[in-house]
Amino acid sequence: MDHIARYFTGEAGAITVDWVVLTAACLSLGLGAVSMISGSVRDVGLEANGMMSNYEIDHHFDTEEEIQALQAAANVAAN
């Protein structure tokens, strides 16, 4: 009987219980934050997808004459 009383009043292993509770609290806070943010991240991703899907990639490269004309126009505008 004395063995059972010592078991319930002893503090051996109490630090383990503290760490388990602390870890569970941190994990719960992290999961809560992720669940709150995940909807917004999805919406921003869909919005970016919508904007990028309207872009057209120009595969036409300027010739040397076009580049010189652009540089000349930029020089005239700068002066």
Foldseek 3Di string as FASTA:
>chain_A
DVVVVCVVPDCPCVVVVVVVVVVVVVVVVVVVVCVVCVVVVVVVVVVVVVVVVPDDDDPDDDDPVVVVVVVVVVVVVVD
